């Protein structure tokens, strides 16, 4: 099933991502994890984006060291239901390339249930291969996303 995301403007999604990033930073501080912003964290004009390589645009949000080194991409679960998180299909292809350099995890903040979950990208790929998750498209970009249920993500919560 493919759903269309009319109410999900880029600006709204970007603001939600910033909330998840702040929560990630608090988790790191509370657990004495070293972290550093790594990805692009400013709005980039459209005319600039079209000239940038995808690998640069899809740089993970953070580098983090707990017991090991991780690249971290922050996401926020659906704010209304808390039942899923949306992850763009094309982004996953770029994120996978970072595994050549180091481990890659998603930090998912679910404000509806006050949850903070780490999900290894390898586990996410396993979930995507073994499940027929809903897909949708964002209106403004036409980009396809997977709607990954939080129940599945919770089951695979990774301690970093």
C-alpha atoms as a PDB file:
ATOM      1  CA  UNK A   1       0.000   0.000   0.000  1.00  0.00           C
ATOM      2  CA  UNK A   2       1.335   3.438  -0.931  1.00  0.00           C
ATOM      3  CA  UNK A   3       0.219   6.478   1.009  1.00  0.00           C
ATOM      4  CA  UNK A   4       0.630  10.114   0.054  1.00  0.00           C
ATOM      5  CA  UNK A   5       1.991  12.531   2.613  1.00  0.00           C
ATOM      6  CA  UNK A   6       0.331  15.906   1.994  1.00  0.00           C
ATOM      7  CA  UNK A   7       0.648  17.155   5.578  1.00  0.00           C
ATOM      8  CA  UNK A   8       4.360  16.393   5.840  1.00  0.00           C
ATOM      9  CA  UNK A   9       6.127  19.473   4.500  1.00  0.00           C
ATOM     10  CA  UNK A  10       9.915  19.420   4.486  1.00  0.00           C
ATOM     11  CA  UNK A  11      10.028  22.308   6.950  1.00  0.00           C
ATOM     12  CA  UNK A  12       7.806  20.446   9.450  1.00  0.00           C
ATOM     13  CA  UNK A  13       9.840  17.258   9.111  1.00  0.00           C
ATOM     14  CA  UNK A  14      13.092  19.178   9.480  1.00  0.00           C
ATOM     15  CA  UNK A  15      11.872  20.821  12.702  1.00  0.00           C
ATOM     16  CA  UNK A  16      10.883  17.410  14.111  1.00  0.00           C
ATOM     17  CA  UNK A  17      14.345  16.122  13.262  1.00  0.00           C
ATOM     18  CA  UNK A  18      15.872  18.956  15.267  1.00  0.00           C
ATOM     19  CA  UNK A  19      13.795  17.902  18.300  1.00  0.00           C
ATOM     20  CA  UNK A  20      15.071  14.331  17.949  1.00  0.00           C
ATOM     21  CA  UNK A  21      18.632  15.664  17.682  1.00  0.00           C
ATOM     22  CA  UNK A  22      18.292  17.639  20.927  1.00  0.00           C
ATOM     23  CA  UNK A  23      16.940  14.544  22.719  1.00  0.00           C
ATOM     24  CA  UNK A  24      19.854  12.503  21.328  1.00  0.00           C
ATOM     25  CA  UNK A  25      22.299  15.056  22.738  1.00  0.00           C
ATOM     26  CA  UNK A  26      20.652  14.792  26.164  1.00  0.00           C
ATOM     27  CA  UNK A  27      20.878  10.979  26.034  1.00  0.00           C
ATOM     28  CA  UNK A  28      24.579  11.285  25.204  1.00  0.00           C
ATOM     29  CA  UNK A  29      25.250  13.751  28.008  1.00  0.00           C
ATOM     30  CA  UNK A  30      23.357  11.605  30.532  1.00  0.00           C
ATOM     31  CA  UNK A  31      25.356   8.515  29.522  1.00  0.00           C
ATOM     32  CA  UNK A  32      28.747  10.212  29.150  1.00  0.00           C
ATOM     33  CA  UNK A  33      28.894   9.446  25.418  1.00  0.00           C
ATOM     34  CA  UNK A  34      31.118  11.653  23.319  1.00  0.00           C
ATOM     35  CA  UNK A  35      29.224  13.134  20.355  1.00  0.00           C
ATOM     36  CA  UNK A  36      29.805  15.680  17.656  1.00  0.00           C
ATOM     37  CA  UNK A  37      27.565  17.155  14.940  1.00  0.00           C
ATOM     38  CA  UNK A  38      28.671  15.687  11.666  1.00  0.00           C
ATOM     39  CA  UNK A  39      26.007  16.223   9.029  1.00  0.00           C
ATOM     40  CA  UNK A  40      24.670  19.349   7.426  1.00  0.00           C
ATOM     41  CA  UNK A  41      22.530  21.050  10.040  1.00  0.00           C
ATOM     42  CA  UNK A  42      21.551  24.256   8.277  1.00  0.00           C
ATOM     43  CA  UNK A  43      18.926  24.897   5.655  1.00  0.00           C
ATOM     44  CA  UNK A  44      20.511  24.788   2.228  1.00  0.00           C
ATOM     45  CA  UNK A  45      18.987  26.679  -0.686  1.00  0.00           C
ATOM     46  CA  UNK A  46      17.498  24.447  -3.385  1.00  0.00           C
ATOM     47  CA  UNK A  47      19.842  25.826  -6.048  1.00  0.00           C
ATOM     48  CA  UNK A  48      22.822  24.673  -3.942  1.00  0.00           C
ATOM     49  CA  UNK A  49      21.405  21.230  -3.140  1.00  0.00           C
ATOM     50  CA  UNK A  50      21.105  20.297  -6.800  1.00  0.00           C
ATOM     51  CA  UNK A  51      24.898  20.663  -7.170  1.00  0.00           C
ATOM     52  CA  UNK A  52      25.908  18.716  -4.063  1.00  0.00           C
ATOM     53  CA  UNK A  53      26.836  15.023  -4.130  1.00  0.00           C
ATOM     54  CA  UNK A  54      24.272  12.718  -2.489  1.00  0.00           C
ATOM     55  CA  UNK A  55      26.887  11.327  -0.094  1.00  0.00           C
ATOM     56  CA  UNK A  56      27.481  14.838   1.242  1.00  0.00           C
ATOM     57  CA  UNK A  57      23.756  15.569   1.514  1.00  0.00           C
ATOM     58  CA  UNK A  58      23.140  12.258   3.297  1.00  0.00           C
ATOM     59  CA  UNK A  59      25.892  12.648   5.847  1.00  0.00           C
ATOM     60  CA  UNK A  60      24.790  11.248   9.240  1.00  0.00           C
ATOM     61  CA  UNK A  61      23.699  13.797  11.840  1.00  0.00           C
ATOM     62  CA  UNK A  62      26.333  12.829  14.415  1.00  0.00           C
ATOM     63  CA  UNK A  63      29.438  10.898  15.268  1.00  0.00           C
ATOM     64  CA  UNK A  64      29.232   9.243  18.676  1.00  0.00           C
ATOM     65  CA  UNK A  65      31.503   7.143  20.858  1.00  0.00           C
ATOM     66  CA  UNK A  66      30.124   5.134  23.736  1.00  0.00           C
ATOM     67  CA  UNK A  67      32.095   1.895  23.919  1.00  0.00           C
ATOM     68  CA  UNK A  68      32.523   1.990  20.123  1.00  0.00           C
ATOM     69  CA  UNK A  69      32.326   4.506  17.302  1.00  0.00           C
ATOM     70  CA  UNK A  70      28.952   5.106  15.586  1.00  0.00           C
ATOM     71  CA  UNK A  71      27.492   7.322  12.930  1.00  0.00           C
ATOM     72  CA  UNK A  72      24.031   8.396  14.110  1.00  0.00           C
ATOM     73  CA  UNK A  73      21.035   9.569  12.117  1.00  0.00           C
ATOM     74  CA  UNK A  74      18.224  11.042  14.258  1.00  0.00           C
ATOM     75  CA  UNK A  75      14.570  10.439  13.423  1.00  0.00           C
ATOM     76  CA  UNK A  76      11.296  11.141  15.169  1.00  0.00           C
ATOM     77  CA  UNK A  77       8.382   8.739  15.276  1.00  0.00           C
ATOM     78  CA  UNK A  78       4.964   9.881  14.123  1.00  0.00           C
ATOM     79  CA  UNK A  79       3.918  12.578  16.582  1.00  0.00           C
ATOM     80  CA  UNK A  80       0.193  11.791  16.409  1.00  0.00           C
ATOM     81  CA  UNK A  81       0.121   8.028  16.883  1.00  0.00           C
ATOM     82  CA  UNK A  82       3.694   7.140  17.868  1.00  0.00           C
ATOM     83  CA  UNK A  83       3.186   3.933  15.901  1.00  0.00           C
ATOM     84  CA  UNK A  84       5.781   4.274  13.146  1.00  0.00           C
ATOM     85  CA  UNK A  85       8.774   6.156  11.794  1.00  0.00           C
ATOM     86  CA  UNK A  86       9.239   7.185   8.163  1.00  0.00           C
ATOM     87  CA  UNK A  87      12.576   6.509   6.486  1.00  0.00           C
ATOM     88  CA  UNK A  88      13.227   7.483   2.882  1.00  0.00           C
ATOM     89  CA  UNK A  89      14.136   4.635   0.565  1.00  0.00           C
ATOM     90  CA  UNK A  90      16.764   6.654  -1.314  1.00  0.00           C
ATOM     91  CA  UNK A  91      18.388   7.859   1.930  1.00  0.00           C
ATOM     92  CA  UNK A  92      18.897   4.266   3.052  1.00  0.00           C
ATOM     93  CA  UNK A  93      21.006   3.576  -0.024  1.00  0.00           C
ATOM     94  CA  UNK A  94      23.285   6.484   0.869  1.00  0.00           C
ATOM     95  CA  UNK A  95      23.377   5.643   4.595  1.00  0.00           C
ATOM     96  CA  UNK A  96      24.448   2.096   3.780  1.00  0.00           C
ATOM     97  CA  UNK A  97      27.649   3.472   2.227  1.00  0.00           C
ATOM     98  CA  UNK A  98      28.713   4.816   5.628  1.00  0.00           C
ATOM     99  CA  UNK A  99      29.070   1.218   6.846  1.00  0.00           C
ATOM    100  CA  UNK A 100      32.344   1.157   4.888  1.00  0.00           C
ATOM    101  CA  UNK A 101      33.693   3.640   7.442  1.00  0.00           C
ATOM    102  CA  UNK A 102      31.981   2.688  10.721  1.00  0.00           C
ATOM    103  CA  UNK A 103      28.855   1.388  12.430  1.00  0.00           C
ATOM    104  CA  UNK A 104      25.623   3.235  11.660  1.00  0.00           C
ATOM    105  CA  UNK A 105      22.585   3.519  13.933  1.00  0.00           C
ATOM    106  CA  UNK A 106      19.354   5.445  13.917  1.00  0.00           C
ATOM    107  CA  UNK A 107      18.322   7.246  17.072  1.00  0.00           C
ATOM    108  CA  UNK A 108      14.545   7.338  17.112  1.00  0.00           C
ATOM    109  CA  UNK A 109      12.683   9.578  19.504  1.00  0.00           C
ATOM    110  CA  UNK A 110       9.014   8.814  20.079  1.00  0.00           C
ATOM    111  CA  UNK A 111       7.453  11.774  21.940  1.00  0.00           C
ATOM    112  CA  UNK A 112       4.038  10.102  22.179  1.00  0.00           C
ATOM    113  CA  UNK A 113       5.456   7.412  24.488  1.00  0.00           C
ATOM    114  CA  UNK A 114       8.610   9.219  25.664  1.00  0.00           C
ATOM    115  CA  UNK A 115      10.746   6.536  24.005  1.00  0.00           C
ATOM    116  CA  UNK A 116      14.342   6.732  22.893  1.00  0.00           C
ATOM    117  CA  UNK A 117      15.475   3.824  20.736  1.00  0.00           C
ATOM    118  CA  UNK A 118      18.679   2.976  18.873  1.00  0.00           C
ATOM    119  CA  UNK A 119      18.273   0.858  15.731  1.00  0.00           C
ATOM    120  CA  UNK A 120      21.244  -0.596  13.866  1.00  0.00           C
ATOM    121  CA  UNK A 121      20.945   0.004  10.116  1.00  0.00           C
ATOM    122  CA  UNK A 122      21.760  -3.672   9.474  1.00  0.00           C
ATOM    123  CA  UNK A 123      18.753  -4.653  11.615  1.00  0.00           C
ATOM    124  CA  UNK A 124      16.614  -2.168   9.696  1.00  0.00           C
ATOM    125  CA  UNK A 125      17.607  -3.750   6.381  1.00  0.00           C
ATOM    126  CA  UNK A 126      16.667  -7.156   7.803  1.00  0.00           C
ATOM    127  CA  UNK A 127      13.262  -5.775   8.818  1.00  0.00           C
ATOM    128  CA  UNK A 128      12.687  -4.287   5.376  1.00  0.00           C
ATOM    129  CA  UNK A 129      13.576  -7.555   3.644  1.00  0.00           C
ATOM    130  CA  UNK A 130      11.355  -9.717   5.831  1.00  0.00           C
ATOM    131  CA  UNK A 131       8.290  -7.444   6.026  1.00  0.00           C
ATOM    132  CA  UNK A 132       5.976  -5.787   3.572  1.00  0.00           C
ATOM    133  CA  UNK A 133       5.845  -2.355   5.194  1.00  0.00           C
ATOM    134  CA  UNK A 134       3.649   0.431   3.899  1.00  0.00           C
ATOM    135  CA  UNK A 135       5.359   2.832   1.534  1.00  0.00           C
ATOM    136  CA  UNK A 136       4.390   6.406   0.882  1.00  0.00           C
ATOM    137  CA  UNK A 137       5.548   9.443  -1.041  1.00  0.00           C
ATOM    138  CA  UNK A 138       6.178  13.002   0.034  1.00  0.00           C
ATOM    139  CA  UNK A 139       4.154  15.441  -2.049  1.00  0.00           C
ATOM    140  CA  UNK A 140       6.792  18.128  -2.477  1.00  0.00           C
ATOM    141  CA  UNK A 141       9.592  15.796  -3.561  1.00  0.00           C
ATOM    142  CA  UNK A 142       7.933  12.584  -4.710  1.00  0.00           C
ATOM    143  CA  UNK A 143      10.454  10.684  -2.585  1.00  0.00           C
ATOM    144  CA  UNK A 144       9.378   7.251  -1.377  1.00  0.00           C
ATOM    145  CA  UNK A 145       9.507   6.378   2.314  1.00  0.00           C
ATOM    146  CA  UNK A 146       9.010   3.231   4.349  1.00  0.00           C
ATOM    147  CA  UNK A 147       6.631   3.408   7.280  1.00  0.00           C
ATOM    148  CA  UNK A 148       8.409   1.186   9.828  1.00  0.00           C
ATOM    149  CA  UNK A 149       6.306   0.157  12.862  1.00  0.00           C
ATOM    150  CA  UNK A 150       7.658   1.154  16.255  1.00  0.00           C
ATOM    151  CA  UNK A 151       6.727  -2.295  17.612  1.00  0.00           C
ATOM    152  CA  UNK A 152       9.343  -3.840  15.322  1.00  0.00           C
ATOM    153  CA  UNK A 153      11.895  -1.153  16.140  1.00  0.00           C
ATOM    154  CA  UNK A 154      11.400  -1.549  19.906  1.00  0.00           C
ATOM    155  CA  UNK A 155      12.071  -5.256  19.605  1.00  0.00           C
ATOM    156  CA  UNK A 156      15.506  -4.509  18.140  1.00  0.00           C
ATOM    157  CA  UNK A 157      16.493  -1.641  20.461  1.00  0.00           C
ATOM    158  CA  UNK A 158      20.291  -1.559  20.502  1.00  0.00           C
ATOM    159  CA  UNK A 159      22.413  -0.553  23.433  1.00  0.00           C
ATOM    160  CA  UNK A 160      25.331   1.513  22.265  1.00  0.00           C
END
